[in-house]
Amino acid sequence: MLRLLLAPLWEALLLLDRLLFLQERGYAAQLLPLFDPTLSPRNYAVLGVRRPGGTPAEAPAATGAPF
């Protein structure tokens, strides 16, 4: 029962994470609804388009640590 209650929140957090990931790397990103949400809760697409002159975020430096 708890899983059913938390599933929409978890899905929203994952979509937001993916959206922010693209925006941090210089993409113009947005969430687009694909169809009626009553058909499926997974009705969004994440669209990312590279901005002209957009600069990606710097990659973290290798520290030698495995993780």
Protein backbone atom coordinates (compact mmCIF):
# COMPACT_ATOMS: atom_id res chain seq x y z
CA MET A 1 0.00 0.00 0.00
CA LEU A 2 2.81 2.40 0.87
CA ARG A 3 4.45 1.69 -2.48
CA LEU A 4 1.30 2.82 -4.32
CA LEU A 5 1.18 6.03 -2.33
CA LEU A 6 4.85 6.92 -2.88
CA ALA A 7 5.13 5.86 -6.54
CA PRO A 8 3.93 9.21 -8.03
CA LEU A 9 6.32 11.14 -5.79
CA TRP A 10 9.25 8.89 -6.72
CA GLU A 11 8.42 9.21 -10.42
CA ALA A 12 8.29 13.01 -10.15
CA LEU A 13 11.66 13.10 -8.37
CA LEU A 14 13.28 10.98 -11.08
CA LEU A 15 11.91 13.21 -13.83
CA LEU A 16 13.09 16.33 -12.01
CA ASP A 17 16.56 14.81 -11.54
CA ARG A 18 16.86 14.04 -15.26
CA LEU A 19 15.60 17.50 -16.18
CA LEU A 20 18.11 19.25 -13.91
CA PHE A 21 20.93 16.98 -15.15
CA LEU A 22 20.34 18.17 -18.72
CA GLN A 23 19.99 21.81 -17.71
CA GLU A 24 23.26 21.72 -15.76
CA ARG A 25 25.02 20.53 -18.91
CA GLY A 26 23.82 23.37 -21.09
CA TYR A 27 20.64 21.90 -22.57
CA ALA A 28 17.27 23.61 -22.82
CA ALA A 29 15.25 20.83 -21.17
CA GLN A 30 11.56 20.41 -20.54
CA LEU A 31 9.01 17.78 -19.61
CA LEU A 32 6.38 17.11 -22.24
CA PRO A 33 3.16 15.21 -21.50
CA LEU A 34 2.63 12.54 -24.15
CA PHE A 35 -0.90 11.38 -23.41
CA ASP A 36 -3.68 11.36 -20.82
CA PRO A 37 -2.26 10.56 -17.35
CA THR A 38 -5.24 8.30 -16.58
CA LEU A 39 -3.86 5.84 -19.15
CA SER A 40 -0.47 5.59 -17.43
CA PRO A 41 1.37 7.60 -14.77
CA ARG A 42 4.48 7.50 -16.97
CA ASN A 43 3.12 9.91 -19.54
CA TYR A 44 6.03 12.37 -19.72
CA ALA A 45 8.98 12.66 -22.05
CA VAL A 46 12.15 14.55 -21.14
CA LEU A 47 13.25 16.67 -24.08
CA GLY A 48 16.71 18.22 -24.16
CA VAL A 49 17.97 20.49 -26.93
CA ARG A 50 21.52 21.81 -26.96
CA ARG A 51 21.58 25.59 -26.62
CA PRO A 52 23.72 27.49 -29.11
CA GLY A 53 26.93 28.30 -27.31
CA GLY A 54 25.82 26.31 -24.26
CA THR A 55 28.72 25.07 -22.20
CA PRO A 56 28.54 21.75 -20.41
CA ALA A 57 29.35 21.55 -16.74
CA GLU A 58 32.91 20.58 -15.95
CA ALA A 59 33.52 16.91 -15.36
CA PRO A 60 34.71 16.05 -11.86
CA ALA A 61 38.44 15.53 -11.59
CA ALA A 62 39.69 11.99 -11.17
CA THR A 63 40.87 11.46 -7.61
CA GLY A 64 42.05 7.89 -7.86
CA ALA A 65 39.27 6.71 -5.54
CA PRO A 66 37.13 3.92 -7.00
CA PHE A 67 33.88 5.74 -6.13
